Protein backbone atom coordinates (compact mmCIF):
# COMPACT_ATOMS: atom_id res chain seq x y z
CA UNK A 1 -0.42 0.21 0.15
CA UNK A 2 1.75 3.29 -0.93
CA UNK A 3 2.39 6.31 1.15
CA UNK A 4 0.11 8.65 -0.74
CA UNK A 5 -2.72 6.25 -0.11
CA UNK A 6 -2.32 5.97 3.33
CA UNK A 7 -2.29 9.68 4.12
CA UNK A 8 -5.16 9.54 2.15
CA UNK A 9 -7.60 7.33 3.96
CA UNK A 10 -5.87 8.73 7.28
CA UNK A 11 -7.52 12.47 6.15
CA UNK A 12 -10.67 9.78 5.82
CA UNK A 13 -9.95 8.66 8.45
CA UNK A 14 -10.27 11.58 10.74
CA UNK A 15 -12.80 13.66 9.01
CA UNK A 16 -15.11 10.68 10.66
CA UNK A 17 -14.59 11.20 14.06
CA UNK A 18 -16.78 12.01 17.11
CA UNK A 19 -16.60 14.19 19.99
CA UNK A 20 -18.19 11.48 22.05
CA UNK A 21 -17.37 7.88 20.28
CA UNK A 22 -13.37 6.60 19.33
CA UNK A 23 -13.00 5.53 16.18
CA UNK A 24 -10.23 3.02 15.12
CA UNK A 25 -7.71 3.18 11.77
CA UNK A 26 -4.70 0.41 11.37
CA UNK A 27 -1.76 2.65 10.30
CA UNK A 28 -0.08 0.51 6.85
CA UNK A 29 2.79 2.90 7.37
CA UNK A 30 4.38 5.32 9.58
CA UNK A 31 3.86 8.36 10.14
CA UNK A 32 4.81 11.80 12.03
CA UNK A 33 1.67 13.89 13.20
CA UNK A 34 0.33 16.96 14.29
CA UNK A 35 -2.49 18.70 15.09
CA UNK A 36 -2.50 21.52 12.99
CA UNK A 37 -6.28 23.06 14.64
CA UNK A 38 -8.04 21.57 17.75
CA UNK A 39 -7.52 19.15 20.46
CA UNK A 40 -8.05 15.08 20.52
CA UNK A 41 -7.51 12.13 23.33
CA UNK A 42 -5.42 9.36 21.49
CA UNK A 43 -4.20 5.71 22.43
CA UNK A 44 -2.21 3.19 20.48
CA UNK A 45 -3.62 -0.91 21.29
CA UNK A 46 -5.76 -0.14 23.45
CA UNK A 47 -2.79 1.78 25.79
CA UNK A 48 -4.12 4.86 27.81
CA UNK A 49 -5.44 7.60 26.66
CA UNK A 50 -3.26 10.95 26.09
CA UNK A 51 -4.31 14.13 25.33
CA UNK A 52 -2.61 15.91 22.01
CA UNK A 53 -2.85 19.33 20.99
CA UNK A 54 -0.68 21.81 17.93
CA UNK A 55 2.73 22.08 20.41
CA UNK A 56 2.80 17.85 20.05
CA UNK A 57 4.28 16.00 17.14
CA UNK A 58 4.53 11.85 17.42
CA UNK A 59 5.76 9.33 16.10
CA UNK A 60 2.95 6.75 15.28
CA UNK A 61 3.95 3.30 14.07
CA UNK A 62 2.73 1.34 11.20
CA UNK A 63 1.62 -2.33 12.46
CA UNK A 64 -0.62 -0.20 15.36
CA UNK A 65 -4.16 0.40 15.95
CA UNK A 66 -5.00 3.62 16.89
CA UNK A 67 -8.16 5.28 18.14
CA UNK A 68 -9.10 9.07 18.41
CA UNK A 69 -11.88 11.07 20.39
CA UNK A 70 -12.28 14.42 18.83
CA UNK A 71 -12.80 17.11 21.94
CA UNK A 72 -13.78 20.51 19.32
CA UNK A 73 -16.89 20.13 18.45
CA UNK A 74 -17.29 23.42 17.37
CA UNK A 75 -13.92 24.23 15.36
CA UNK A 76 -12.73 21.69 12.35
CA UNK A 77 -10.32 19.40 13.17
CA UNK A 78 -7.23 19.79 11.29
CA UNK A 79 -3.78 17.83 11.51
CA UNK A 80 -0.84 17.75 9.34
CA UNK A 81 0.98 13.66 8.31
CA UNK A 82 4.72 12.58 7.02
CA UNK A 83 4.33 9.61 6.20
CA UNK A 84 7.55 7.13 6.39
CA UNK A 85 8.83 4.19 4.25
CA UNK A 86 10.69 1.66 6.18
CA UNK A 87 13.42 2.21 4.29
CA UNK A 88 13.50 5.69 5.22
CA UNK A 89 13.80 4.06 9.13
CA UNK A 90 15.76 2.01 8.15
CA UNK A 91 18.64 4.50 6.61
CA UNK A 92 18.08 6.64 10.24
CA UNK A 93 18.19 3.33 12.33
CA UNK A 94 21.42 2.40 10.28
CA UNK A 95 22.85 6.09 10.81
CA UNK A 96 22.37 6.07 14.62
CA UNK A 97 22.95 1.90 15.54
CA UNK A 98 26.03 2.76 17.66
CA UNK A 99 23.09 4.79 20.61
CA UNK A 100 20.91 2.04 20.32
CA UNK A 101 23.11 -1.02 20.61
CA UNK A 102 22.26 -1.15 24.53
CA UNK A 103 18.73 0.22 24.79
CA UNK A 104 15.67 -2.49 25.16
CA UNK A 105 14.18 -3.47 21.54
CA UNK A 106 10.49 -3.89 23.09
CA UNK A 107 8.71 -2.08 25.67
CA UNK A 108 4.90 -1.67 26.72
CA UNK A 109 2.31 -2.40 24.70
CA UNK A 110 0.51 0.95 24.23
CA UNK A 111 2.94 4.22 25.00
CA UNK A 112 2.36 7.27 22.32
CA UNK A 113 6.33 8.59 21.37
CA UNK A 114 5.56 12.37 21.35
CA UNK A 115 7.87 15.22 21.64
CA UNK A 116 6.86 19.04 22.58
CA UNK A 117 7.28 21.48 19.60
CA UNK A 118 7.38 24.54 22.67
CA UNK A 119 10.99 23.84 23.66
CA UNK A 120 12.42 22.38 20.32
CA UNK A 121 10.02 25.15 17.64
CA UNK A 122 12.56 23.88 14.90
CA UNK A 123 10.85 20.89 14.25
CA UNK A 124 8.01 22.36 13.11
CA UNK A 125 9.16 24.20 10.29
CA UNK A 126 11.61 20.91 9.24
CA UNK A 127 8.13 18.87 9.25
CA UNK A 128 6.55 21.36 7.50
CA UNK A 129 9.42 21.48 4.49
CA UNK A 130 9.35 17.88 4.85
CA UNK A 131 5.88 17.76 3.87
CA UNK A 132 5.78 19.93 1.00
CA UNK A 133 8.74 18.12 -0.39
CA UNK A 134 7.50 14.95 -0.06
CA UNK A 135 3.78 16.56 -2.08
CA UNK A 136 6.31 17.83 -5.04
CA UNK A 137 8.31 14.22 -4.96
CA UNK A 138 12.10 15.95 -5.78
CA UNK A 139 14.92 14.72 -4.05
CA UNK A 140 14.91 12.11 -1.44
CA UNK A 141 18.45 13.05 -0.41
CA UNK A 142 16.53 16.02 0.84
CA UNK A 143 13.94 14.35 2.43
CA UNK A 144 16.28 11.96 4.32
CA UNK A 145 17.84 15.13 5.86
CA UNK A 146 14.52 16.47 7.19
CA UNK A 147 13.25 12.69 8.11
CA UNK A 148 16.40 12.62 10.50
CA UNK A 149 16.55 15.41 11.80
CA UNK A 150 13.16 15.65 12.78
CA UNK A 151 13.75 11.82 14.31
CA UNK A 152 16.75 12.52 15.98
CA UNK A 153 14.79 14.66 18.74
CA UNK A 154 13.20 11.41 19.78
CA UNK A 155 16.25 9.22 20.69
CA UNK A 156 15.66 11.21 24.05
CA UNK A 157 12.01 9.59 24.31
CA UNK A 158 11.97 6.03 25.91
CA UNK A 159 9.13 5.05 23.84
CA UNK A 160 10.98 6.11 21.00
CA UNK A 161 13.65 3.25 20.54
CA UNK A 162 11.13 0.36 20.65
CA UNK A 163 9.10 1.94 18.99
CA UNK A 164 11.23 2.45 15.77
CA UNK A 165 12.40 -0.75 15.62
CA UNK A 166 9.11 -2.22 15.30
CA UNK A 167 8.52 0.17 12.43
CA UNK A 168 11.26 -1.16 10.61
CA UNK A 169 10.31 -5.21 10.68
CA UNK A 170 7.09 -5.71 8.47
CA UNK A 171 4.73 -8.19 11.21
CA UNK A 172 2.49 -11.01 10.07
CA UNK A 173 -0.52 -8.29 10.83
CA UNK A 174 0.65 -5.76 8.32
CA UNK A 175 1.06 -8.71 5.67
CA UNK A 176 -2.65 -10.13 6.75
CA UNK A 177 -3.86 -6.62 7.12
CA UNK A 178 -2.55 -6.04 3.25
CA UNK A 179 -3.86 -9.16 1.68
CA UNK A 180 -7.89 -8.95 2.99
CA UNK A 181 -7.53 -4.98 2.23
CA UNK A 182 -6.72 -5.83 -1.24
CA UNK A 183 -9.04 -8.82 -1.48
CA UNK A 184 -12.26 -9.13 -2.67
CA UNK A 185 -14.96 -11.38 -2.22
CA UNK A 186 -15.91 -13.50 0.84
CA UNK A 187 -13.77 -15.78 -0.32
CA UNK A 188 -10.26 -14.16 0.06
CA UNK A 189 -11.40 -13.09 3.65
CA UNK A 190 -11.07 -16.89 5.22
CA UNK A 191 -7.94 -18.13 7.99
CA UNK A 192 -7.38 -20.74 5.37
CA UNK A 193 -7.54 -17.96 2.38
CA UNK A 194 -5.04 -16.09 4.01
CA UNK A 195 -2.75 -18.88 5.43
CA UNK A 196 -2.01 -20.41 2.31
CA UNK A 197 -1.12 -17.23 0.73
CA UNK A 198 1.34 -16.77 3.51
CA UNK A 199 2.61 -20.16 3.18
CA UNK A 200 1.53 -21.48 6.44
CA UNK A 201 -0.79 -23.59 8.39
CA UNK A 202 -4.28 -21.78 9.88
CA UNK A 203 -2.67 -22.85 13.60
CA UNK A 204 0.64 -21.50 13.02
CA UNK A 205 -0.82 -17.92 11.21
CA UNK A 206 -3.05 -17.72 14.79
CA UNK A 207 0.19 -18.24 17.24
CA UNK A 208 2.14 -15.74 14.59
CA UNK A 209 -1.21 -13.09 15.20
CA UNK A 210 -0.94 -13.91 18.62
CA UNK A 211 2.30 -12.76 19.51
CA UNK A 212 1.99 -10.26 17.97
CA UNK A 213 -1.42 -9.06 20.63
CA UNK A 214 -3.85 -9.28 17.99
CA UNK A 215 -6.09 -11.54 16.35
CA UNK A 216 -7.53 -12.88 12.10
CA UNK A 217 -10.49 -11.77 13.39
CA UNK A 218 -9.60 -8.09 14.28
CA UNK A 219 -7.25 -7.80 11.74
CA UNK A 220 -9.70 -9.14 9.37
CA UNK A 221 -12.50 -6.53 10.47
CA UNK A 222 -10.72 -3.84 10.84
CA UNK A 223 -8.83 -3.66 6.60
CA UNK A 224 -12.83 -4.89 5.65
CA UNK A 225 -14.05 -1.69 7.78
CA UNK A 226 -11.02 0.66 6.77
CA UNK A 227 -11.66 -0.19 3.04
CA UNK A 228 -15.63 0.47 3.41
CA UNK A 229 -14.78 3.12 4.96
CA UNK A 230 -12.86 4.11 2.13
CA UNK A 231 -15.02 3.38 -0.62
CA UNK A 232 -18.19 5.15 0.37
CA UNK A 233 -16.20 8.01 0.40
CA UNK A 234 -13.75 7.89 -2.94
CA UNK A 235 -15.89 5.55 -4.90
CA UNK A 236 -19.27 5.92 -7.03
CA UNK A 237 -20.39 2.34 -5.86
CA UNK A 238 -23.96 1.22 -4.49
CA UNK A 239 -23.69 -0.50 -1.34
CA UNK A 240 -24.04 -3.96 -2.70
CA UNK A 241 -20.97 -3.75 -4.07
CA UNK A 242 -19.00 -2.06 -1.49
CA UNK A 243 -20.17 -4.62 0.76
CA UNK A 244 -19.38 -7.72 -1.73
CA UNK A 245 -15.98 -6.17 -2.09
CA UNK A 246 -15.36 -6.48 1.32
CA UNK A 247 -16.96 -10.24 1.54
CA UNK A 248 -20.74 -9.49 2.82
CA UNK A 249 -23.33 -10.94 1.21
CA UNK A 250 -25.85 -10.05 3.76
CA UNK A 251 -25.90 -6.13 3.44
CA UNK A 252 -27.98 -5.34 6.26
CA UNK A 253 -25.72 -7.05 8.27
CA UNK A 254 -22.43 -5.42 6.66
CA UNK A 255 -24.68 -2.31 7.40
CA UNK A 256 -24.77 -3.03 11.26
CA UNK A 257 -20.96 -4.02 10.97
CA UNK A 258 -20.42 -1.27 9.69
CA UNK A 259 -21.73 1.41 11.82
CA UNK A 260 -20.97 -0.57 14.87
CA UNK A 261 -16.96 -0.71 13.78
CA UNK A 262 -16.98 2.86 13.17
CA UNK A 263 -19.08 4.18 15.52
CA UNK A 264 -20.77 6.92 13.82
CA UNK A 265 -24.57 8.24 12.86
CA UNK A 266 -25.18 6.80 9.47
CA UNK A 267 -25.54 10.09 8.03
CA UNK A 268 -21.65 10.31 8.05
CA UNK A 269 -20.64 8.45 5.45
CA UNK A 270 -22.18 8.93 2.03
CA UNK A 271 -23.09 4.85 2.09
CA UNK A 272 -25.86 5.47 3.73
CA UNK A 273 -27.23 8.81 2.14
């Protein structure tokens, strides 16, 4: 899945946020994330909720499920995100490898990795410059330099090194999410089908996902519901077609699953109108 598509789907997710109900999103790429205006609560993998404002910038690792609550019901929530490829992060990791030798590569799940912009205001300028460089697809070396500069400020954050380490490794849940997302039809979304595509048994796939603190049913539902959300906002498809694309034959059941997952009123999404 491309970084541009990840950013587009993330902004679609932001547009559906509620000020009352939490909403889930699976990160297919690592992101640098900043609230431009508004105030939110965020948590990762059912960890502790953390309040974020325009003075915070966060490193969000790929393969994680995040939840956000929008607290500002009167003003438009605006965010800026900078997608990072695995190659970009590996390059930074290799450059700083001497610092990582004695550092822990594992930590408790669910800690958000943030640094404060008020303490280092230059980060915000470089962050916005990096976004412009990514959007203009210019010299990749410039993007790497900007990214390395920003990430260097995270080196003093306890959660950063294990989070970075997790982000440069391709997990089984990443592969499962992508396979389901890019498949169409009910027959493509079963445990046995995905296990065969990954050249492993169903029981092995279950164990591998459990070791990554998730399950096939959780990843499958998240992938299908996020795909349905994107299709409902970007494609002129009838409800029955969207349901079939994400593996549902029963349209009323699909609508119920969709609304329960996204925790939004029907009018929020074009497919319900």
